[in-house]
Amino acid sequence: FLPLLAGLAANFLPKIFCKITKKC
């Protein structure tokens, strides 16, 4: 469960960071 969650976060967080900071 945790490795899956970590993988999901690793895929999801950069997209949010991109939207917030406008840096992609």
PDB file of N, CA and C in Angstrom:
ATOM      1  N   PHE A   1       0.838  -1.213   0.000  1.00  0.00           N
ATOM      2  CA  PHE A   1       0.000   0.000   0.000  1.00  0.00           C
ATOM      3  C   PHE A   1       0.871   1.261   0.000  1.00  0.00           C
ATOM      4  N   LEU A   2       1.888   1.288   0.848  1.00  0.00           N
ATOM      5  CA  LEU A   2       2.725   2.492   0.941  1.00  0.00           C
ATOM      6  C   LEU A   2       3.546   2.774  -0.300  1.00  0.00           C
ATOM      7  N   PRO A   3       4.174   1.757  -0.902  1.00  0.00           N
ATOM      8  CA  PRO A   3       4.914   2.019  -2.154  1.00  0.00           C
ATOM      9  C   PRO A   3       4.007   2.571  -3.246  1.00  0.00           C
ATOM     10  N   LEU A   4       2.781   2.090  -3.292  1.00  0.00           N
ATOM     11  CA  LEU A   4       1.818   2.563  -4.286  1.00  0.00           C
ATOM     12  C   LEU A   4       1.477   4.025  -4.027  1.00  0.00           C
ATOM     13  N   LEU A   5       1.295   4.348  -2.759  1.00  0.00           N
ATOM     14  CA  LEU A   5       0.968   5.718  -2.376  1.00  0.00           C
ATOM     15  C   LEU A   5       2.125   6.660  -2.684  1.00  0.00           C
ATOM     16  N   ALA A   6       3.338   6.180  -2.426  1.00  0.00           N
ATOM     17  CA  ALA A   6       4.529   6.982  -2.693  1.00  0.00           C
ATOM     18  C   ALA A   6       4.671   7.232  -4.194  1.00  0.00           C
ATOM     19  N   GLY A   7       4.385   6.205  -4.987  1.00  0.00           N
ATOM     20  CA  GLY A   7       4.458   6.346  -6.431  1.00  0.00           C
ATOM     21  C   GLY A   7       3.405   7.318  -6.940  1.00  0.00           C
ATOM     22  N   LEU A   8       2.236   7.259  -6.340  1.00  0.00           N
ATOM     23  CA  LEU A   8       1.150   8.148  -6.735  1.00  0.00           C
ATOM     24  C   LEU A   8       1.502   9.590  -6.393  1.00  0.00           C
ATOM     25  N   ALA A   9       2.072   9.796  -5.218  1.00  0.00           N
ATOM     26  CA  ALA A   9       2.460  11.132  -4.784  1.00  0.00           C
ATOM     27  C   ALA A   9       3.558  11.682  -5.686  1.00  0.00           C
ATOM     28  N   ALA A  10       4.504  10.819  -6.062  1.00  0.00           N
ATOM     29  CA  ALA A  10       5.614  11.240  -6.907  1.00  0.00           C
ATOM     30  C   ALA A  10       5.120  11.673  -8.285  1.00  0.00           C
ATOM     31  N   ASN A  11       3.995  11.082  -8.704  1.00  0.00           N
ATOM     32  CA  ASN A  11       3.431  11.406 -10.007  1.00  0.00           C
ATOM     33  C   ASN A  11       2.508  12.614  -9.921  1.00  0.00           C
ATOM     34  N   PHE A  12       1.898  12.802  -8.765  1.00  0.00           N
ATOM     35  CA  PHE A  12       0.848  13.805  -8.593  1.00  0.00           C
ATOM     36  C   PHE A  12       1.384  15.151  -8.118  1.00  0.00           C
ATOM     37  N   LEU A  13       2.335  15.111  -7.177  1.00  0.00           N
ATOM     38  CA  LEU A  13       2.846  16.351  -6.591  1.00  0.00           C
ATOM     39  C   LEU A  13       3.507  17.293  -7.591  1.00  0.00           C
ATOM     40  N   PRO A  14       4.329  16.781  -8.525  1.00  0.00           N
ATOM     41  CA  PRO A  14       4.934  17.695  -9.511  1.00  0.00           C
ATOM     42  C   PRO A  14       3.890  18.451 -10.331  1.00  0.00           C
ATOM     43  N   LYS A  15       2.755  17.819 -10.602  1.00  0.00           N
ATOM     44  CA  LYS A  15       1.708  18.483 -11.379  1.00  0.00           C
ATOM     45  C   LYS A  15       1.098  19.628 -10.584  1.00  0.00           C
ATOM     46  N   ILE A  16       0.908  19.403  -9.294  1.00  0.00           N
ATOM     47  CA  ILE A  16       0.363  20.455  -8.439  1.00  0.00           C
ATOM     48  C   ILE A  16       1.377  21.579  -8.290  1.00  0.00           C
ATOM     49  N   PHE A  17       2.640  21.192  -8.092  1.00  0.00           N
ATOM     50  CA  PHE A  17       3.717  22.174  -7.973  1.00  0.00           C
ATOM     51  C   PHE A  17       3.788  23.019  -9.242  1.00  0.00           C
ATOM     52  N   CYS A  18       3.601  22.374 -10.379  1.00  0.00           N
ATOM     53  CA  CYS A  18       3.629  23.051 -11.665  1.00  0.00           C
ATOM     54  C   CYS A  18       2.510  24.075 -11.758  1.00  0.00           C
ATOM     55  N   LYS A  19       1.328  23.696 -11.298  1.00  0.00           N
ATOM     56  CA  LYS A  19       0.185  24.601 -11.382  1.00  0.00           C
ATOM     57  C   LYS A  19       0.341  25.775 -10.431  1.00  0.00           C
ATOM     58  N   ILE A  20       0.894  25.522  -9.255  1.00  0.00           N
ATOM     59  CA  ILE A  20       1.021  26.568  -8.247  1.00  0.00           C
ATOM     60  C   ILE A  20       2.113  27.564  -8.624  1.00  0.00           C
ATOM     61  N   THR A  21       3.269  27.049  -9.021  1.00  0.00           N
ATOM     62  CA  THR A  21       4.417  27.913  -9.259  1.00  0.00           C
ATOM     63  C   THR A  21       4.535  28.370 -10.711  1.00  0.00           C
ATOM     64  N   LYS A  22       3.761  27.720 -11.586  1.00  0.00           N
ATOM     65  CA  LYS A  22       3.820  27.999 -13.029  1.00  0.00           C
ATOM     66  C   LYS A  22       5.181  27.627 -13.607  1.00  0.00           C
ATOM     67  N   LYS A  23       5.935  26.779 -12.898  1.00  0.00           N
ATOM     68  CA  LYS A  23       7.235  26.322 -13.391  1.00  0.00           C
ATOM     69  C   LYS A  23       7.132  24.843 -13.720  1.00  0.00           C
ATOM     70  N   CYS A  24       7.312  24.518 -15.003  1.00  0.00           N
ATOM     71  CA  CYS A  24       7.173  23.120 -15.412  1.00  0.00           C
ATOM     72  C   CYS A  24       8.478  22.615 -16.036  1.00  0.00           C
TER      73      CYS A  24
END
